[in-house]
Amino acid sequence: MDQKTREQAELADGNMVCAGCGAVAEGSPPTWTCSVENRERRYFCDGCARENIRAIEGRLDSSWW
């Protein structure tokens, strides 16, 4: 992954942002899901990942769900 896509998934302080609900987590939580959509890295919190696991596994972009 290039630096630009990594910056879109992380805040300046290194915290992760959920692409679904906007939740912020310190560092890189081991329970969050990472998805690559349109060459962009997106992270999803536990709740968003659980609600949309079939779409994630089916590789549907988050804009679909």
Protein backbone atom coordinates (compact mmCIF):
# COMPACT_ATOMS: atom_id res chain seq x y z
CA MET A 1 0.00 0.00 0.00
CA ASP A 2 1.21 3.46 -0.70
CA GLN A 3 1.48 6.17 1.93
CA LYS A 4 -1.59 8.09 0.70
CA THR A 5 -4.03 5.22 1.31
CA ARG A 6 -2.54 4.54 4.72
CA GLU A 7 -3.09 8.16 5.76
CA GLN A 8 -6.76 7.93 4.80
CA ALA A 9 -7.29 5.10 7.30
CA GLU A 10 -5.23 6.62 10.11
CA LEU A 11 -5.32 9.93 11.90
CA ALA A 12 -2.15 11.99 12.30
CA ASP A 13 -1.66 10.58 15.81
CA GLY A 14 -1.73 6.98 14.54
CA ASN A 15 -5.27 6.17 15.69
CA MET A 16 -7.57 4.15 13.41
CA VAL A 17 -10.92 5.46 12.16
CA CYS A 18 -13.86 3.16 11.37
CA ALA A 19 -15.03 3.73 7.80
CA GLY A 20 -18.54 2.67 8.80
CA CYS A 21 -19.45 4.63 11.92
CA GLY A 22 -16.44 6.92 12.41
CA ALA A 23 -15.37 5.42 15.72
CA VAL A 24 -11.76 6.13 16.65
CA ALA A 25 -9.46 3.57 18.29
CA GLU A 26 -5.98 3.98 19.68
CA GLY A 27 -3.37 2.26 17.56
CA SER A 28 -4.37 -0.77 15.53
CA PRO A 29 -6.99 -2.85 17.39
CA PRO A 30 -6.55 -6.58 16.67
CA THR A 31 -10.31 -7.12 16.46
CA TRP A 32 -10.96 -4.52 13.74
CA THR A 33 -11.32 -5.61 10.10
CA CYS A 34 -9.26 -4.14 7.27
CA SER A 35 -10.67 -4.00 3.75
CA VAL A 36 -9.15 -2.64 0.55
CA GLU A 37 -11.69 -0.90 -1.67
CA ASN A 38 -10.77 1.00 -4.82
CA ARG A 39 -7.11 0.83 -3.77
CA GLU A 40 -7.99 2.43 -0.42
CA ARG A 41 -7.42 0.79 2.95
CA ARG A 42 -10.53 0.96 5.17
CA TYR A 43 -10.88 -0.22 8.74
CA PHE A 44 -14.12 -1.33 10.38
CA CYS A 45 -14.82 -1.58 14.11
CA ASP A 46 -16.18 -4.76 15.69
CA GLY A 47 -19.81 -3.63 15.42
CA CYS A 48 -19.67 -2.55 11.79
CA ALA A 49 -17.74 -5.67 10.81
CA ARG A 50 -20.27 -7.94 12.53
CA GLU A 51 -23.23 -6.17 10.93
CA ASN A 52 -21.72 -6.43 7.44
CA ILE A 53 -19.52 -9.54 7.53
CA ARG A 54 -21.25 -11.18 4.54
CA ALA A 55 -20.70 -8.09 2.39
CA ILE A 56 -17.08 -7.86 3.54
CA GLU A 57 -16.41 -11.53 2.80
CA GLY A 58 -18.18 -11.17 -0.56
CA ARG A 59 -15.86 -8.22 -1.29
CA LEU A 60 -18.70 -5.73 -1.73
CA ASP A 61 -17.57 -2.13 -1.32
CA SER A 62 -18.85 -0.42 1.84
CA SER A 63 -20.79 2.05 -0.33
CA TRP A 64 -23.02 -0.91 -1.26
CA TRP A 65 -24.00 -1.58 2.36
